[in-house]
Amino acid sequence: MQHPNIAQLKKAVAPYEKTDTKASVRQMLNTLVPLVLLWYGAYLSLSVSYWLTLPLAITAAGFVVRTFIIFHDCCHQSFFKSRLANDVVGTLTGVLTLFPYEQWKNEHAIHHASSSNLDKRGVGDVWIMTVDEYVAASFWRRMAYRIYRNPLLMFAFGPIYITAVAYRFNRKGARRKERINNYLTNVLIAALYTALIMTVGWQSFLLVQGPVVFVSALLGIWLFYVQHTFEDSYFENEEEWSYVKAAVEGSSFYKLPKLLQWITGNIGFHHVHHLSPKVPNYLLEKAHEETPPLQKATTITLRTSLKSLRYRLWDEKNKGFVSFGDIKHMTSREAVKVRRASLQGE
């Protein structure tokens, strides 16, 4: 696929890199107000039937995802013109979504700078091994990778891990500002949860907040996973890596039904976002529709996105994702040869 160079594409999307304060405030209102009302409605419904509570809690989880998009835009300084406003709103929405603003912002910046670069994996992304790396790996490393990439583990335990463990602690080498923000986020989460428990009781709190947190985190993992894991994605080593191709070919256009597109804050236009993180979420669709080269991005739908569940390894030779089953044809002898070559290269 031929693309204009980065300067041309960046110039094409530049008109959409403009924050509309009224639109941002409107999005906060139509996101946070329904979230609070749905949560309260789920609590009230406990006295009727938990089968009424669950749909309300799941719907509230959708609005948590939409709240995360606000948080996400603040991390890119694209939601408000004021840096202070982005930092304050980002920190507060981070409390609601359980993500520390400074830590996630820093990790996500690395993700944007290294997305689809095989030589710069490991920060802010999903663990991906190439076929050769997998074949050359030890038994235990292969097992660890298989466990990590197992859909049941990723989508059942992943939400619990990222909300309760991964982002509750400072990462190694974190600077003072990031550490303080993480402490502040944890304190504010504890204060909010304590207030809710004292108001509604710990059992009611768990029955409502449990599914809200789990479902919203699950949806977040799914969106991030599927938008970078599709059959003809793009990965290259540093010397061949291209920022434009990483954006337009390495990030998908997740074409969702309008309601889901709205609730997920247009994040399905992920290729546009990766090309220009300064475009606020409410202008991503317009940028896509009015910039023809961006329409060449791989389009996936709810149905076709399910195929990504079988993709486990990146095949550098054929430039595409493959399943574990796809590499079974490699004999033990071939595996040994690859492993020896890898060890010699080290």
C-alpha atoms as a PDB file:
ATOM      1  CA  MET A   1       0.000   0.000   0.000  1.00  0.00           C
ATOM      2  CA  GLN A   2       1.346   3.394  -0.968  1.00  0.00           C
ATOM      3  CA  HIS A   3       0.975   6.244   1.500  1.00  0.00           C
ATOM      4  CA  PRO A   4       1.799   9.923   1.399  1.00  0.00           C
ATOM      5  CA  ASN A   5       4.780  10.745   3.566  1.00  0.00           C
ATOM      6  CA  ILE A   6       4.283  11.669   7.182  1.00  0.00           C
ATOM      7  CA  ALA A   7       4.513  15.406   6.517  1.00  0.00           C
ATOM      8  CA  GLN A   8       1.708  15.243   3.942  1.00  0.00           C
ATOM      9  CA  LEU A   9      -0.577  13.161   6.135  1.00  0.00           C
ATOM     10  CA  LYS A  10       0.108  15.226   9.237  1.00  0.00           C
ATOM     11  CA  LYS A  11      -0.718  18.341   7.233  1.00  0.00           C
ATOM     12  CA  ALA A  12      -3.960  16.728   6.049  1.00  0.00           C
ATOM     13  CA  VAL A  13      -5.162  15.987   9.579  1.00  0.00           C
ATOM     14  CA  ALA A  14      -3.854  19.205  11.141  1.00  0.00           C
ATOM     15  CA  PRO A  15      -7.232  20.994  10.786  1.00  0.00           C
ATOM     16  CA  TYR A  16      -8.779  18.383  13.105  1.00  0.00           C
ATOM     17  CA  GLU A  17      -6.182  18.871  15.857  1.00  0.00           C
ATOM     18  CA  LYS A  18      -8.280  21.587  17.425  1.00  0.00           C
ATOM     19  CA  THR A  19      -9.938  21.235  20.790  1.00  0.00           C
ATOM     20  CA  ASP A  20     -13.517  22.448  21.009  1.00  0.00           C
ATOM     21  CA  THR A  21     -14.066  23.318  24.673  1.00  0.00           C
ATOM     22  CA  LYS A  22     -17.851  23.271  24.329  1.00  0.00           C
ATOM     23  CA  ALA A  23     -17.732  19.825  22.734  1.00  0.00           C
ATOM     24  CA  SER A  24     -15.418  18.579  25.481  1.00  0.00           C
ATOM     25  CA  VAL A  25     -17.666  19.893  28.260  1.00  0.00           C
ATOM     26  CA  ARG A  26     -20.708  18.457  26.490  1.00  0.00           C
ATOM     27  CA  GLN A  27     -19.005  15.065  26.307  1.00  0.00           C
ATOM     28  CA  MET A  28     -18.207  15.164  30.003  1.00  0.00           C
ATOM     29  CA  LEU A  29     -21.858  15.882  30.798  1.00  0.00           C
ATOM     30  CA  ASN A  30     -23.300  13.203  28.524  1.00  0.00           C
ATOM     31  CA  THR A  31     -20.816  10.698  29.939  1.00  0.00           C
ATOM     32  CA  LEU A  32     -20.489  11.335  33.661  1.00  0.00           C
ATOM     33  CA  VAL A  33     -24.116  12.202  34.396  1.00  0.00           C
ATOM     34  CA  PRO A  34     -25.472   8.958  32.837  1.00  0.00           C
ATOM     35  CA  LEU A  35     -22.707   7.011  34.602  1.00  0.00           C
ATOM     36  CA  VAL A  36     -23.776   8.317  38.018  1.00  0.00           C
ATOM     37  CA  LEU A  37     -27.482   7.792  37.282  1.00  0.00           C
ATOM     38  CA  LEU A  38     -26.935   4.255  35.993  1.00  0.00           C
ATOM     39  CA  TRP A  39     -24.831   3.356  39.029  1.00  0.00           C
ATOM     40  CA  TYR A  40     -27.495   4.715  41.358  1.00  0.00           C
ATOM     41  CA  GLY A  41     -30.209   2.943  39.384  1.00  0.00           C
ATOM     42  CA  ALA A  42     -28.279  -0.329  39.638  1.00  0.00           C
ATOM     43  CA  TYR A  43     -28.061   0.138  43.398  1.00  0.00           C
ATOM     44  CA  LEU A  44     -31.810   0.817  43.731  1.00  0.00           C
ATOM     45  CA  SER A  45     -32.606  -2.216  41.571  1.00  0.00           C
ATOM     46  CA  LEU A  46     -30.923  -4.526  44.090  1.00  0.00           C
ATOM     47  CA  SER A  47     -34.135  -4.428  46.112  1.00  0.00           C
ATOM     48  CA  VAL A  48     -36.045  -5.701  43.068  1.00  0.00           C
ATOM     49  CA  SER A  49     -33.851  -8.282  41.336  1.00  0.00           C
ATOM     50  CA  TYR A  50     -30.164  -8.722  40.598  1.00  0.00           C
ATOM     51  CA  TRP A  51     -31.181  -9.644  37.064  1.00  0.00           C
ATOM     52  CA  LEU A  52     -32.248  -6.017  36.721  1.00  0.00           C
ATOM     53  CA  THR A  53     -29.064  -4.784  38.394  1.00  0.00           C
ATOM     54  CA  LEU A  54     -26.697  -6.573  36.021  1.00  0.00           C
ATOM     55  CA  PRO A  55     -27.944  -4.932  32.776  1.00  0.00           C
ATOM     56  CA  LEU A  56     -27.760  -1.525  34.451  1.00  0.00           C
ATOM     57  CA  ALA A  57     -24.256  -2.226  35.759  1.00  0.00           C
ATOM     58  CA  ILE A  58     -23.092  -3.459  32.348  1.00  0.00           C
ATOM     59  CA  THR A  59     -24.524  -0.327  30.713  1.00  0.00           C
ATOM     60  CA  ALA A  60     -22.722   1.756  33.340  1.00  0.00           C
ATOM     61  CA  ALA A  61     -19.533  -0.099  32.406  1.00  0.00           C
ATOM     62  CA  GLY A  62     -19.989   1.192  28.861  1.00  0.00           C
ATOM     63  CA  PHE A  63     -20.006   4.732  30.220  1.00  0.00           C
ATOM     64  CA  VAL A  64     -16.847   3.950  32.185  1.00  0.00           C
ATOM     65  CA  VAL A  65     -15.246   3.076  28.844  1.00  0.00           C
ATOM     66  CA  ARG A  66     -16.473   6.419  27.494  1.00  0.00           C
ATOM     67  CA  THR A  67     -15.014   8.091  30.608  1.00  0.00           C
ATOM     68  CA  PHE A  68     -11.716   6.364  29.848  1.00  0.00           C
ATOM     69  CA  ILE A  69     -11.708   7.979  26.395  1.00  0.00           C
ATOM     70  CA  ILE A  70     -11.903  11.386  28.092  1.00  0.00           C
ATOM     71  CA  PHE A  71      -9.019  10.300  30.337  1.00  0.00           C
ATOM     72  CA  HIS A  72      -7.162   9.077  27.264  1.00  0.00           C
ATOM     73  CA  ASP A  73      -7.582  12.391  25.424  1.00  0.00           C
ATOM     74  CA  CYS A  74      -6.397  14.280  28.496  1.00  0.00           C
ATOM     75  CA  CYS A  75      -3.251  12.144  28.459  1.00  0.00           C
ATOM     76  CA  HIS A  76      -2.618  13.408  24.926  1.00  0.00           C
ATOM     77  CA  GLN A  77      -3.448  17.001  25.940  1.00  0.00           C
ATOM     78  CA  SER A  78      -6.170  16.966  23.278  1.00  0.00           C
ATOM     79  CA  PHE A  79      -9.324  17.284  25.381  1.00  0.00           C
ATOM     80  CA  PHE A  80      -8.799  20.826  26.641  1.00  0.00           C
ATOM     81  CA  LYS A  81      -6.582  23.667  25.460  1.00  0.00           C
ATOM     82  CA  SER A  82      -5.284  24.162  28.997  1.00  0.00           C
ATOM     83  CA  ARG A  83      -2.618  21.744  30.193  1.00  0.00           C
ATOM     84  CA  LEU A  84      -3.830  22.213  33.764  1.00  0.00           C
ATOM     85  CA  ALA A  85      -7.415  21.364  32.776  1.00  0.00           C
ATOM     86  CA  ASN A  86      -6.224  18.196  31.024  1.00  0.00           C
ATOM     87  CA  ASP A  87      -4.142  17.216  34.041  1.00  0.00           C
ATOM     88  CA  VAL A  88      -6.942  17.800  36.556  1.00  0.00           C
ATOM     89  CA  VAL A  89      -9.698  16.128  34.521  1.00  0.00           C
ATOM     90  CA  GLY A  90      -7.307  13.354  33.543  1.00  0.00           C
ATOM     91  CA  THR A  91      -6.451  12.633  37.169  1.00  0.00           C
ATOM     92  CA  LEU A  92     -10.110  12.647  38.272  1.00  0.00           C
ATOM     93  CA  THR A  93     -11.315  10.452  35.405  1.00  0.00           C
ATOM     94  CA  GLY A  94      -8.343   8.215  36.206  1.00  0.00           C
ATOM     95  CA  VAL A  95      -9.875   7.722  39.648  1.00  0.00           C
ATOM     96  CA  LEU A  96     -13.177   6.672  38.078  1.00  0.00           C
ATOM     97  CA  THR A  97     -11.479   4.303  35.633  1.00  0.00           C
ATOM     98  CA  LEU A  98      -8.791   3.127  38.111  1.00  0.00           C
ATOM     99  CA  PHE A  99      -5.810   4.291  36.053  1.00  0.00           C
ATOM    100  CA  PRO A 100      -3.156   6.683  37.408  1.00  0.00           C
ATOM    101  CA  TYR A 101      -2.946   9.601  35.001  1.00  0.00           C
ATOM    102  CA  GLU A 102       0.797  10.278  34.898  1.00  0.00           C
ATOM    103  CA  GLN A 103       1.854   6.636  34.764  1.00  0.00           C
ATOM    104  CA  TRP A 104      -0.572   5.698  32.027  1.00  0.00           C
ATOM    105  CA  LYS A 105       0.221   8.872  30.074  1.00  0.00           C
ATOM    106  CA  ASN A 106       3.938   8.119  30.081  1.00  0.00           C
ATOM    107  CA  GLU A 107       3.527   4.464  29.139  1.00  0.00           C
ATOM    108  CA  HIS A 108       1.038   5.325  26.424  1.00  0.00           C
ATOM    109  CA  ALA A 109       3.404   7.906  24.917  1.00  0.00           C
ATOM    110  CA  ILE A 110       5.988   5.137  24.566  1.00  0.00           C
ATOM    111  CA  HIS A 111       3.350   2.929  22.949  1.00  0.00           C
ATOM    112  CA  HIS A 112       2.637   5.583  20.333  1.00  0.00           C
ATOM    113  CA  ALA A 113       6.338   6.128  19.627  1.00  0.00           C
ATOM    114  CA  SER A 114       7.081   2.415  19.235  1.00  0.00           C
ATOM    115  CA  SER A 115       3.837   0.820  17.993  1.00  0.00           C
ATOM    116  CA  SER A 116       4.531  -1.987  15.479  1.00  0.00           C
ATOM    117  CA  ASN A 117       8.298  -1.668  16.012  1.00  0.00           C
ATOM    118  CA  LEU A 118       9.652  -5.158  16.700  1.00  0.00           C
ATOM    119  CA  ASP A 119      12.805  -3.745  18.290  1.00  0.00           C
ATOM    120  CA  LYS A 120      10.928  -1.580  20.782  1.00  0.00           C
ATOM    121  CA  ARG A 121       8.302  -3.874  22.257  1.00  0.00           C
ATOM    122  CA  GLY A 122       7.472  -4.166  25.927  1.00  0.00           C
ATOM    123  CA  VAL A 123       5.991  -0.909  27.191  1.00  0.00           C
ATOM    124  CA  GLY A 124       2.296  -0.061  26.924  1.00  0.00           C
ATOM    125  CA  ASP A 125       1.547  -2.879  24.505  1.00  0.00           C
ATOM    126  CA  VAL A 126       0.388  -6.497  24.353  1.00  0.00           C
ATOM    127  CA  TRP A 127       3.162  -9.097  24.570  1.00  0.00           C
ATOM    128  CA  ILE A 128       3.847 -10.347  21.038  1.00  0.00           C
ATOM    129  CA  MET A 129       6.433 -12.915  20.026  1.00  0.00           C
ATOM    130  CA  THR A 130       7.505 -13.667  16.488  1.00  0.00           C
ATOM    131  CA  VAL A 131       7.402 -17.223  15.161  1.00  0.00           C
ATOM    132  CA  ASP A 132      11.201 -17.497  15.249  1.00  0.00           C
ATOM    133  CA  GLU A 133      11.358 -16.162  18.802  1.00  0.00           C
ATOM    134  CA  TYR A 134       8.737 -18.637  19.939  1.00  0.00           C
ATOM    135  CA  VAL A 135      10.403 -21.624  18.290  1.00  0.00           C
ATOM    136  CA  ALA A 136      13.761 -20.641  19.774  1.00  0.00           C
ATOM    137  CA  ALA A 137      12.358 -20.010  23.266  1.00  0.00           C
ATOM    138  CA  SER A 138      12.698 -22.327  26.241  1.00  0.00           C
ATOM    139  CA  PHE A 139       9.826 -24.558  27.283  1.00  0.00           C
ATOM    140  CA  TRP A 140       8.944 -22.345  30.246  1.00  0.00           C
ATOM    141  CA  ARG A 141       8.991 -19.152  28.209  1.00  0.00           C
ATOM    142  CA  ARG A 142       6.695 -20.770  25.654  1.00  0.00           C
ATOM    143  CA  MET A 143       4.347 -21.845  28.431  1.00  0.00           C
ATOM    144  CA  ALA A 144       4.326 -18.366  29.930  1.00  0.00           C
ATOM    145  CA  TYR A 145       3.502 -16.896  26.519  1.00  0.00           C
ATOM    146  CA  ARG A 146       0.742 -19.433  25.886  1.00  0.00           C
ATOM    147  CA  ILE A 147      -0.820 -18.643  29.247  1.00  0.00           C
ATOM    148  CA  TYR A 148      -0.574 -14.905  28.593  1.00  0.00           C
ATOM    149  CA  ARG A 149      -2.162 -15.206  25.136  1.00  0.00           C
ATOM    150  CA  ASN A 150      -4.920 -17.557  26.242  1.00  0.00           C
ATOM    151  CA  PRO A 151      -8.204 -15.664  25.675  1.00  0.00           C
ATOM    152  CA  LEU A 152      -9.734 -17.034  28.871  1.00  0.00           C
ATOM    153  CA  LEU A 153      -6.798 -15.808  30.955  1.00  0.00           C
ATOM    154  CA  MET A 154      -6.444 -12.523  29.084  1.00  0.00           C
ATOM    155  CA  PHE A 155     -10.094 -11.524  29.260  1.00  0.00           C
ATOM    156  CA  ALA A 156     -11.123 -13.200  32.529  1.00  0.00           C
ATOM    157  CA  PHE A 157      -8.129 -12.454  34.750  1.00  0.00           C
ATOM    158  CA  GLY A 158      -6.699  -9.539  32.778  1.00  0.00           C
ATOM    159  CA  PRO A 159      -9.361  -7.057  33.981  1.00  0.00           C
ATOM    160  CA  ILE A 160      -8.721  -8.025  37.600  1.00  0.00           C
ATOM    161  CA  TYR A 161      -4.962  -7.789  37.223  1.00  0.00           C
ATOM    162  CA  ILE A 162      -4.795  -4.382  35.551  1.00  0.00           C
ATOM    163  CA  THR A 163      -7.309  -2.731  37.890  1.00  0.00           C
ATOM    164  CA  ALA A 164      -6.292  -4.331  41.197  1.00  0.00           C
ATOM    165  CA  VAL A 165      -2.561  -4.923  40.737  1.00  0.00           C
ATOM    166  CA  ALA A 166      -0.755  -3.525  37.693  1.00  0.00           C
ATOM    167  CA  TYR A 167      -1.662   0.146  38.108  1.00  0.00           C
ATOM    168  CA  ARG A 168      -1.790   0.264  41.880  1.00  0.00           C
ATOM    169  CA  PHE A 169       1.998   0.380  42.115  1.00  0.00           C
ATOM    170  CA  ASN A 170       4.652   2.648  40.664  1.00  0.00           C
ATOM    171  CA  ARG A 171       6.681   1.296  37.807  1.00  0.00           C
ATOM    172  CA  LYS A 172      10.437   0.924  38.123  1.00  0.00           C
ATOM    173  CA  GLY A 173      12.245   4.170  37.408  1.00  0.00           C
ATOM    174  CA  ALA A 174       9.146   6.337  37.732  1.00  0.00           C
ATOM    175  CA  ARG A 175       9.882   9.999  38.344  1.00  0.00           C
ATOM    176  CA  ARG A 176       8.653  11.895  41.379  1.00  0.00           C
ATOM    177  CA  LYS A 177       5.681  13.520  39.613  1.00  0.00           C
ATOM    178  CA  GLU A 178       4.454  10.145  38.381  1.00  0.00           C
ATOM    179  CA  ARG A 179       4.889   8.494  41.779  1.00  0.00           C
ATOM    180  CA  ILE A 180       3.008  11.260  43.584  1.00  0.00           C
ATOM    181  CA  ASN A 181       0.172  11.116  41.048  1.00  0.00           C
ATOM    182  CA  ASN A 182      -0.082   7.361  41.546  1.00  0.00           C
ATOM    183  CA  TYR A 183      -0.264   7.776  45.334  1.00  0.00           C
ATOM    184  CA  LEU A 184      -2.882  10.510  44.928  1.00  0.00           C
ATOM    185  CA  THR A 185      -4.970   8.348  42.600  1.00  0.00           C
ATOM    186  CA  ASN A 186      -4.911   5.432  45.026  1.00  0.00           C
ATOM    187  CA  VAL A 187      -5.881   7.677  47.945  1.00  0.00           C
ATOM    188  CA  LEU A 188      -8.761   9.217  45.979  1.00  0.00           C
ATOM    189  CA  ILE A 189      -9.984   5.774  44.877  1.00  0.00           C
ATOM    190  CA  ALA A 190      -9.882   4.585  48.487  1.00  0.00           C
ATOM    191  CA  ALA A 191     -11.754   7.695  49.636  1.00  0.00           C
ATOM    192  CA  LEU A 192     -14.429   7.335  46.950  1.00  0.00           C
ATOM    193  CA  TYR A 193     -14.922   3.637  47.587  1.00  0.00           C
ATOM    194  CA  THR A 194     -15.028   4.162  51.354  1.00  0.00           C
ATOM    195  CA  ALA A 195     -17.684   6.852  50.970  1.00  0.00           C
ATOM    196  CA  LEU A 196     -19.786   4.606  48.735  1.00  0.00           C
ATOM    197  CA  ILE A 197     -19.453   1.651  51.096  1.00  0.00           C
ATOM    198  CA  MET A 198     -20.477   3.775  54.059  1.00  0.00           C
ATOM    199  CA  THR A 199     -23.468   5.026  52.075  1.00  0.00           C
ATOM    200  CA  VAL A 200     -24.812   1.833  50.468  1.00  0.00           C
ATOM    201  CA  GLY A 201     -23.072  -0.935  52.425  1.00  0.00           C
ATOM    202  CA  TRP A 202     -20.166  -3.123  51.320  1.00  0.00           C
ATOM    203  CA  GLN A 203     -22.353  -5.887  49.882  1.00  0.00           C
ATOM    204  CA  SER A 204     -24.395  -3.544  47.692  1.00  0.00           C
ATOM    205  CA  PHE A 205     -21.200  -1.777  46.662  1.00  0.00           C
ATOM    206  CA  LEU A 206     -19.565  -5.018  45.519  1.00  0.00           C
ATOM    207  CA  LEU A 207     -22.697  -6.242  43.714  1.00  0.00           C
ATOM    208  CA  VAL A 208     -22.819  -3.036  41.651  1.00  0.00           C
ATOM    209  CA  GLN A 209     -19.206  -1.904  41.337  1.00  0.00           C
ATOM    210  CA  GLY A 210     -17.836  -5.411  40.774  1.00  0.00           C
ATOM    211  CA  PRO A 211     -19.449  -5.939  37.352  1.00  0.00           C
ATOM    212  CA  VAL A 212     -18.948  -2.274  36.424  1.00  0.00           C
ATOM    213  CA  VAL A 213     -15.176  -2.516  36.943  1.00  0.00           C
ATOM    214  CA  PHE A 214     -14.805  -5.991  35.455  1.00  0.00           C
ATOM    215  CA  VAL A 215     -16.849  -5.382  32.290  1.00  0.00           C
ATOM    216  CA  SER A 216     -15.343  -1.956  31.597  1.00  0.00           C
ATOM    217  CA  ALA A 217     -11.801  -3.309  31.983  1.00  0.00           C
ATOM    218  CA  LEU A 218     -12.634  -6.331  29.826  1.00  0.00           C
ATOM    219  CA  LEU A 219     -13.981  -4.051  27.078  1.00  0.00           C
ATOM    220  CA  GLY A 220     -10.907  -1.857  27.341  1.00  0.00           C
ATOM    221  CA  ILE A 221      -8.547  -4.821  26.952  1.00  0.00           C
ATOM    222  CA  TRP A 222     -10.568  -6.097  24.008  1.00  0.00           C
ATOM    223  CA  LEU A 223     -10.524  -2.755  22.196  1.00  0.00           C
ATOM    224  CA  PHE A 224      -6.784  -2.342  22.655  1.00  0.00           C
ATOM    225  CA  TYR A 225      -6.081  -5.957  21.688  1.00  0.00           C
ATOM    226  CA  VAL A 226      -8.202  -6.130  18.552  1.00  0.00           C
ATOM    227  CA  GLN A 227      -7.033  -2.790  17.146  1.00  0.00           C
ATOM    228  CA  HIS A 228      -3.455  -4.010  16.890  1.00  0.00           C
ATOM    229  CA  THR A 229      -4.027  -7.743  16.383  1.00  0.00           C
ATOM    230  CA  PHE A 230      -5.450  -8.517  12.971  1.00  0.00           C
ATOM    231  CA  GLU A 231      -4.233 -10.811  10.221  1.00  0.00           C
ATOM    232  CA  ASP A 232      -2.534  -8.340   7.870  1.00  0.00           C
ATOM    233  CA  SER A 233      -1.261  -5.927  10.485  1.00  0.00           C
ATOM    234  CA  TYR A 234       2.121  -4.236  10.294  1.00  0.00           C
ATOM    235  CA  PHE A 235       5.305  -4.947  12.242  1.00  0.00           C
ATOM    236  CA  GLU A 236       8.864  -4.184  11.228  1.00  0.00           C
ATOM    237  CA  ASN A 237      12.300  -3.902  12.735  1.00  0.00           C
ATOM    238  CA  GLU A 238      13.684  -0.468  13.513  1.00  0.00           C
ATOM    239  CA  GLU A 239      15.518   0.004  10.209  1.00  0.00           C
ATOM    240  CA  GLU A 240      12.395  -0.715   8.162  1.00  0.00           C
ATOM    241  CA  TRP A 241       9.820   0.776  10.531  1.00  0.00           C
ATOM    242  CA  SER A 242       7.619   3.647   9.318  1.00  0.00           C
ATOM    243  CA  TYR A 243       5.511   5.876  11.559  1.00  0.00           C
ATOM    244  CA  VAL A 244       2.875   6.353   8.849  1.00  0.00           C
ATOM    245  CA  LYS A 245       2.600   2.649   8.070  1.00  0.00           C
ATOM    246  CA  ALA A 246       2.479   1.825  11.770  1.00  0.00           C
ATOM    247  CA  ALA A 247      -0.501   4.161  12.093  1.00  0.00           C
ATOM    248  CA  VAL A 248      -2.439   3.344   8.926  1.00  0.00           C
ATOM    249  CA  GLU A 249      -1.499  -0.334   8.558  1.00  0.00           C
ATOM    250  CA  GLY A 250      -0.614  -1.316  12.134  1.00  0.00           C
ATOM    251  CA  SER A 251      -3.818   0.100  13.658  1.00  0.00           C
ATOM    252  CA  SER A 252      -7.226  -0.995  12.458  1.00  0.00           C
ATOM    253  CA  PHE A 253     -10.410   0.882  11.673  1.00  0.00           C
ATOM    254  CA  TYR A 254     -12.842  -0.925  13.974  1.00  0.00           C
ATOM    255  CA  LYS A 255     -16.167  -0.215  12.287  1.00  0.00           C
ATOM    256  CA  LEU A 256     -18.726  -0.478  15.058  1.00  0.00           C
ATOM    257  CA  PRO A 257     -22.496   0.086  15.107  1.00  0.00           C
ATOM    258  CA  LYS A 258     -23.226   3.760  15.788  1.00  0.00           C
ATOM    259  CA  LEU A 259     -24.280   3.222  19.404  1.00  0.00           C
ATOM    260  CA  LEU A 260     -21.110   1.283  20.222  1.00  0.00           C
ATOM    261  CA  GLN A 261     -19.047   3.806  18.287  1.00  0.00           C
ATOM    262  CA  TRP A 262     -20.494   6.564  20.478  1.00  0.00           C
ATOM    263  CA  ILE A 263     -20.080   4.696  23.771  1.00  0.00           C
ATOM    264  CA  THR A 264     -16.441   3.912  22.909  1.00  0.00           C
ATOM    265  CA  GLY A 265     -15.676   7.511  22.011  1.00  0.00           C
ATOM    266  CA  ASN A 266     -14.821   6.812  18.351  1.00  0.00           C
ATOM    267  CA  ILE A 267     -11.731   4.872  19.412  1.00  0.00           C
ATOM    268  CA  GLY A 268     -12.479   2.492  16.529  1.00  0.00           C
ATOM    269  CA  PHE A 269     -10.840   5.125  14.305  1.00  0.00           C
ATOM    270  CA  HIS A 270      -7.613   3.975  15.866  1.00  0.00           C
ATOM    271  CA  HIS A 271      -5.528   4.509  12.751  1.00  0.00           C
ATOM    272  CA  VAL A 272      -6.423   8.212  12.787  1.00  0.00           C
ATOM    273  CA  HIS A 273      -5.583   8.455  16.463  1.00  0.00           C
ATOM    274  CA  HIS A 274      -2.185   6.805  16.006  1.00  0.00           C
ATOM    275  CA  LEU A 275      -1.333   9.097  13.139  1.00  0.00           C
ATOM    276  CA  SER A 276      -2.294  12.195  15.128  1.00  0.00           C
ATOM    277  CA  PRO A 277      -2.949  11.802  18.870  1.00  0.00           C
ATOM    278  CA  LYS A 278      -3.783  15.511  19.072  1.00  0.00           C
ATOM    279  CA  VAL A 279      -7.102  14.953  17.275  1.00  0.00           C
ATOM    280  CA  PRO A 280      -9.794  14.854  20.010  1.00  0.00           C
ATOM    281  CA  ASN A 281     -11.977  11.755  19.967  1.00  0.00           C
ATOM    282  CA  TYR A 282     -15.045  13.637  18.735  1.00  0.00           C
ATOM    283  CA  LEU A 283     -13.216  14.646  15.528  1.00  0.00           C
ATOM    284  CA  LEU A 284     -11.678  11.279  14.661  1.00  0.00           C
ATOM    285  CA  GLU A 285     -14.557  10.196  12.422  1.00  0.00           C
ATOM    286  CA  LYS A 286     -14.538  13.483  10.519  1.00  0.00           C
ATOM    287  CA  ALA A 287     -10.775  13.262   9.999  1.00  0.00           C
ATOM    288  CA  HIS A 288     -11.191   9.727   8.659  1.00  0.00           C
ATOM    289  CA  GLU A 289     -14.011  10.622   6.280  1.00  0.00           C
ATOM    290  CA  GLU A 290     -12.303  13.717   4.887  1.00  0.00           C
ATOM    291  CA  THR A 291      -8.790  12.263   4.484  1.00  0.00           C
ATOM    292  CA  PRO A 292      -8.851   9.636   1.677  1.00  0.00           C
ATOM    293  CA  PRO A 293      -5.485   7.959   2.492  1.00  0.00           C
ATOM    294  CA  LEU A 294      -6.773   7.137   5.957  1.00  0.00           C
ATOM    295  CA  GLN A 295      -9.671   5.227   4.458  1.00  0.00           C
ATOM    296  CA  LYS A 296      -7.169   2.626   3.225  1.00  0.00           C
ATOM    297  CA  ALA A 297      -6.670   1.321   6.741  1.00  0.00           C
ATOM    298  CA  THR A 298      -7.739  -2.262   7.394  1.00  0.00           C
ATOM    299  CA  THR A 299     -11.425  -2.299   8.341  1.00  0.00           C
ATOM    300  CA  ILE A 300     -12.664  -4.859  10.827  1.00  0.00           C
ATOM    301  CA  THR A 301     -16.179  -5.377  12.160  1.00  0.00           C
ATOM    302  CA  LEU A 302     -17.627  -7.005  15.261  1.00  0.00           C
ATOM    303  CA  ARG A 303     -17.853 -10.288  13.364  1.00  0.00           C
ATOM    304  CA  THR A 304     -14.442 -10.236  11.700  1.00  0.00           C
ATOM    305  CA  SER A 305     -12.711  -8.964  14.837  1.00  0.00           C
ATOM    306  CA  LEU A 306     -13.429 -12.307  16.526  1.00  0.00           C
ATOM    307  CA  LYS A 307     -10.815 -13.858  14.233  1.00  0.00           C
ATOM    308  CA  SER A 308      -8.142 -12.029  16.197  1.00  0.00           C
ATOM    309  CA  LEU A 309      -8.662 -14.458  19.085  1.00  0.00           C
ATOM    310  CA  ARG A 310      -6.761 -17.131  17.161  1.00  0.00           C
ATOM    311  CA  TYR A 311      -3.802 -14.905  16.322  1.00  0.00           C
ATOM    312  CA  ARG A 312      -0.862 -15.621  18.608  1.00  0.00           C
ATOM    313  CA  LEU A 313       2.443 -15.037  16.809  1.00  0.00           C
ATOM    314  CA  TRP A 314       3.808 -12.602  14.257  1.00  0.00           C
ATOM    315  CA  ASP A 315       5.244 -14.322  11.192  1.00  0.00           C
ATOM    316  CA  GLU A 316       8.029 -12.030   9.960  1.00  0.00           C
ATOM    317  CA  LYS A 317       8.509 -14.059   6.805  1.00  0.00           C
ATOM    318  CA  ASN A 318       4.885 -13.850   5.616  1.00  0.00           C
ATOM    319  CA  LYS A 319       4.066 -10.538   7.339  1.00  0.00           C
ATOM    320  CA  GLY A 320       0.985 -11.657   9.226  1.00  0.00           C
ATOM    321  CA  PHE A 321      -0.345 -13.119  12.460  1.00  0.00           C
ATOM    322  CA  VAL A 322      -0.621 -16.889  12.811  1.00  0.00           C
ATOM    323  CA  SER A 323      -1.984 -19.269  15.416  1.00  0.00           C
ATOM    324  CA  PHE A 324      -0.013 -21.781  17.442  1.00  0.00           C
ATOM    325  CA  GLY A 325      -1.530 -24.462  15.252  1.00  0.00           C
ATOM    326  CA  ASP A 326      -0.147 -22.834  12.116  1.00  0.00           C
ATOM    327  CA  ILE A 327       3.429 -23.560  13.177  1.00  0.00           C
ATOM    328  CA  LYS A 328       2.944 -27.219  14.137  1.00  0.00           C
ATOM    329  CA  HIS A 329       4.370 -28.227  10.775  1.00  0.00           C
ATOM    330  CA  MET A 330       7.794 -27.171  12.019  1.00  0.00           C
ATOM    331  CA  THR A 331       9.631 -30.345  13.038  1.00  0.00           C
ATOM    332  CA  SER A 332      11.696 -30.718  16.165  1.00  0.00           C
ATOM    333  CA  ARG A 333      14.797 -30.740  13.985  1.00  0.00           C
ATOM    334  CA  GLU A 334      13.882 -27.418  12.424  1.00  0.00           C
ATOM    335  CA  ALA A 335      13.142 -25.985  15.853  1.00  0.00           C
ATOM    336  CA  VAL A 336      16.556 -27.043  17.116  1.00  0.00           C
ATOM    337  CA  LYS A 337      18.261 -25.439  14.099  1.00  0.00           C
ATOM    338  CA  VAL A 338      16.408 -22.161  14.651  1.00  0.00           C
ATOM    339  CA  ARG A 339      17.241 -22.207  18.364  1.00  0.00           C
ATOM    340  CA  ARG A 340      20.936 -22.880  17.712  1.00  0.00           C
ATOM    341  CA  ALA A 341      21.073 -20.077  15.159  1.00  0.00           C
ATOM    342  CA  SER A 342      19.423 -17.727  17.651  1.00  0.00           C
ATOM    343  CA  LEU A 343      21.844 -18.654  20.412  1.00  0.00           C
ATOM    344  CA  GLN A 344      24.823 -18.216  18.098  1.00  0.00           C
ATOM    345  CA  GLY A 345      23.490 -14.784  17.120  1.00  0.00           C
ATOM    346  CA  GLU A 346      23.452 -13.767  20.788  1.00  0.00           C
END
